[in-house]
Amino acid sequence: MFLFPNLKKYEKAKSLPEIEVTEREFIKLMVESGETEDKAKFHATMSKGLGSAVMIGKQMVKIKV
């Protein structure tokens, strides 16, 4: 069993372009990628609070402050 199953995803994320969007745009992108609106809002809150980027499709998306 591999101890860190998401390590490959992490390595891929480091090489993706990062864009900054509004919170509304962030939620819209997540919903378009297949997430529920509630989960998208949760991720937006966490990303905004931590100041981190989230991989959505083939880009890293960060909420503008």
N, C-alpha and C. Protein backbone atom coordinates (compact mmCIF):
# COMPACT_ATOMS: atom_id res chain seq x y z
N MET A 1 0.84 -1.19 0.00
CA MET A 1 0.00 0.00 0.00
C MET A 1 0.89 1.25 0.00
N PHE A 2 0.54 2.20 -0.84
CA PHE A 2 1.30 3.45 -0.93
C PHE A 2 0.86 4.38 0.18
N LEU A 3 1.79 4.89 0.94
CA LEU A 3 1.49 5.71 2.11
C LEU A 3 0.89 7.07 1.77
N PHE A 4 1.31 7.68 0.67
CA PHE A 4 0.82 9.00 0.29
C PHE A 4 0.17 8.94 -1.09
N PRO A 5 -1.10 8.54 -1.18
CA PRO A 5 -1.73 8.36 -2.49
C PRO A 5 -1.88 9.64 -3.30
N ASN A 6 -1.91 10.80 -2.67
CA ASN A 6 -2.09 12.06 -3.38
C ASN A 6 -0.78 12.76 -3.70
N LEU A 7 0.35 12.11 -3.49
CA LEU A 7 1.64 12.73 -3.73
C LEU A 7 1.82 13.08 -5.21
N LYS A 8 1.36 12.21 -6.11
CA LYS A 8 1.47 12.51 -7.54
C LYS A 8 0.62 13.73 -7.89
N LYS A 9 -0.54 13.85 -7.28
CA LYS A 9 -1.41 15.00 -7.52
C LYS A 9 -0.72 16.28 -7.03
N TYR A 10 -0.04 16.20 -5.90
CA TYR A 10 0.69 17.34 -5.35
C TYR A 10 1.80 17.76 -6.29
N GLU A 11 2.55 16.80 -6.80
CA GLU A 11 3.65 17.10 -7.72
C GLU A 11 3.12 17.78 -8.98
N LYS A 12 2.00 17.31 -9.50
CA LYS A 12 1.39 17.91 -10.68
C LYS A 12 0.94 19.34 -10.38
N ALA A 13 0.36 19.56 -9.22
CA ALA A 13 -0.17 20.87 -8.85
C ALA A 13 0.93 21.93 -8.79
N LYS A 14 2.14 21.55 -8.41
CA LYS A 14 3.24 22.52 -8.33
C LYS A 14 3.60 23.10 -9.68
N SER A 15 3.34 22.35 -10.74
CA SER A 15 3.74 22.82 -12.07
C SER A 15 2.62 23.54 -12.83
N LEU A 16 1.42 23.61 -12.26
CA LEU A 16 0.29 24.24 -12.94
C LEU A 16 0.30 25.76 -12.75
N PRO A 17 -0.27 26.49 -13.72
CA PRO A 17 -0.35 27.95 -13.56
C PRO A 17 -1.33 28.31 -12.46
N GLU A 18 -1.06 29.40 -11.76
CA GLU A 18 -1.94 29.86 -10.67
C GLU A 18 -2.65 31.13 -11.11
N ILE A 19 -3.97 31.17 -10.92
CA ILE A 19 -4.74 32.37 -11.23
C ILE A 19 -5.47 32.83 -9.98
N GLU A 20 -5.76 34.12 -9.93
CA GLU A 20 -6.54 34.68 -8.82
C GLU A 20 -7.90 35.09 -9.34
N VAL A 21 -8.94 34.69 -8.61
CA VAL A 21 -10.31 34.99 -9.01
C VAL A 21 -11.09 35.48 -7.79
N THR A 22 -12.29 36.00 -8.04
CA THR A 22 -13.16 36.39 -6.93
C THR A 22 -13.74 35.12 -6.30
N GLU A 23 -14.30 35.26 -5.12
CA GLU A 23 -14.90 34.11 -4.44
C GLU A 23 -16.04 33.53 -5.27
N ARG A 24 -16.83 34.38 -5.88
CA ARG A 24 -17.95 33.93 -6.72
C ARG A 24 -17.44 33.12 -7.92
N GLU A 25 -16.37 33.61 -8.55
CA GLU A 25 -15.79 32.89 -9.70
C GLU A 25 -15.20 31.55 -9.26
N PHE A 26 -14.59 31.52 -8.09
CA PHE A 26 -14.02 30.29 -7.53
C PHE A 26 -15.11 29.24 -7.38
N ILE A 27 -16.23 29.62 -6.78
CA ILE A 27 -17.35 28.70 -6.58
C ILE A 27 -17.88 28.22 -7.92
N LYS A 28 -18.01 29.14 -8.87
CA LYS A 28 -18.51 28.79 -10.20
C LYS A 28 -17.60 27.76 -10.87
N LEU A 29 -16.28 27.97 -10.80
CA LEU A 29 -15.33 27.03 -11.40
C LEU A 29 -15.43 25.65 -10.75
N MET A 30 -15.59 25.61 -9.44
CA MET A 30 -15.68 24.32 -8.75
C MET A 30 -16.96 23.59 -9.14
N VAL A 31 -18.08 24.31 -9.22
CA VAL A 31 -19.35 23.70 -9.61
C VAL A 31 -19.25 23.17 -11.04
N GLU A 32 -18.63 23.94 -11.92
CA GLU A 32 -18.45 23.51 -13.31
C GLU A 32 -17.57 22.27 -13.42
N SER A 33 -16.68 22.08 -12.44
CA SER A 33 -15.80 20.91 -12.47
C SER A 33 -16.47 19.68 -11.87
N GLY A 34 -17.71 19.82 -11.36
CA GLY A 34 -18.44 18.66 -10.87
C GLY A 34 -18.71 18.63 -9.38
N GLU A 35 -18.24 19.61 -8.63
CA GLU A 35 -18.49 19.64 -7.19
C GLU A 35 -19.89 20.21 -6.91
N THR A 36 -20.44 19.87 -5.77
CA THR A 36 -21.72 20.45 -5.37
C THR A 36 -21.48 21.89 -4.93
N GLU A 37 -22.54 22.68 -4.93
CA GLU A 37 -22.39 24.08 -4.54
C GLU A 37 -21.98 24.20 -3.07
N ASP A 38 -22.52 23.35 -2.21
CA ASP A 38 -22.16 23.40 -0.79
C ASP A 38 -20.68 23.08 -0.58
N LYS A 39 -20.18 22.07 -1.29
CA LYS A 39 -18.77 21.71 -1.17
C LYS A 39 -17.89 22.81 -1.75
N ALA A 40 -18.34 23.42 -2.84
CA ALA A 40 -17.58 24.51 -3.45
C ALA A 40 -17.48 25.70 -2.49
N LYS A 41 -18.58 26.02 -1.81
CA LYS A 41 -18.57 27.12 -0.84
C LYS A 41 -17.65 26.80 0.33
N PHE A 42 -17.66 25.55 0.78
CA PHE A 42 -16.77 25.13 1.86
C PHE A 42 -15.31 25.30 1.46
N HIS A 43 -14.96 24.82 0.25
CA HIS A 43 -13.59 24.96 -0.24
C HIS A 43 -13.20 26.43 -0.39
N ALA A 44 -14.14 27.26 -0.82
CA ALA A 44 -13.88 28.69 -0.96
C ALA A 44 -13.56 29.31 0.39
N THR A 45 -14.34 28.96 1.39
CA THR A 45 -14.11 29.49 2.74
C THR A 45 -12.74 29.06 3.27
N MET A 46 -12.41 27.79 3.08
CA MET A 46 -11.12 27.28 3.56
C MET A 46 -9.96 27.91 2.80
N SER A 47 -10.08 27.99 1.48
CA SER A 47 -9.02 28.55 0.66
C SER A 47 -8.79 30.02 1.00
N LYS A 48 -9.88 30.74 1.18
CA LYS A 48 -9.79 32.16 1.51
C LYS A 48 -9.16 32.35 2.89
N GLY A 49 -9.59 31.56 3.85
CA GLY A 49 -9.07 31.66 5.21
C GLY A 49 -7.60 31.31 5.32
N LEU A 50 -7.17 30.32 4.56
CA LEU A 50 -5.77 29.88 4.60
C LEU A 50 -4.89 30.61 3.60
N GLY A 51 -5.52 31.31 2.66
CA GLY A 51 -4.74 31.99 1.62
C GLY A 51 -4.08 31.02 0.66
N SER A 52 -4.71 29.87 0.47
CA SER A 52 -4.11 28.84 -0.37
C SER A 52 -4.81 28.71 -1.71
N ALA A 53 -4.14 28.08 -2.64
CA ALA A 53 -4.70 27.81 -3.97
C ALA A 53 -5.22 26.38 -4.00
N VAL A 54 -6.24 26.15 -4.83
CA VAL A 54 -6.86 24.84 -4.97
C VAL A 54 -6.77 24.43 -6.44
N MET A 55 -6.46 23.16 -6.68
CA MET A 55 -6.40 22.69 -8.05
C MET A 55 -7.81 22.45 -8.56
N ILE A 56 -8.17 23.20 -9.61
CA ILE A 56 -9.46 23.02 -10.28
C ILE A 56 -9.15 22.80 -11.75
N GLY A 57 -9.42 21.60 -12.21
CA GLY A 57 -9.08 21.26 -13.59
C GLY A 57 -7.58 21.26 -13.77
N LYS A 58 -7.10 22.09 -14.70
CA LYS A 58 -5.66 22.12 -14.98
C LYS A 58 -5.04 23.46 -14.59
N GLN A 59 -5.55 24.02 -13.48
CA GLN A 59 -4.96 25.26 -12.99
C GLN A 59 -5.13 25.34 -11.47
N MET A 60 -4.27 26.11 -10.86
CA MET A 60 -4.37 26.37 -9.43
C MET A 60 -5.13 27.69 -9.28
N VAL A 61 -6.18 27.67 -8.48
CA VAL A 61 -7.05 28.84 -8.35
C VAL A 61 -6.99 29.35 -6.91
N LYS A 62 -6.77 30.66 -6.79
CA LYS A 62 -6.68 31.32 -5.49
C LYS A 62 -7.66 32.47 -5.47
N ILE A 63 -8.27 32.71 -4.33
CA ILE A 63 -9.23 33.80 -4.19
C ILE A 63 -8.50 35.10 -3.91
N LYS A 64 -8.87 36.15 -4.67
CA LYS A 64 -8.28 37.49 -4.46
C LYS A 64 -8.66 38.00 -3.08
N VAL A 65 -7.75 38.67 -2.46
CA VAL A 65 -8.01 39.23 -1.13
C VAL A 65 -8.48 40.66 -1.28
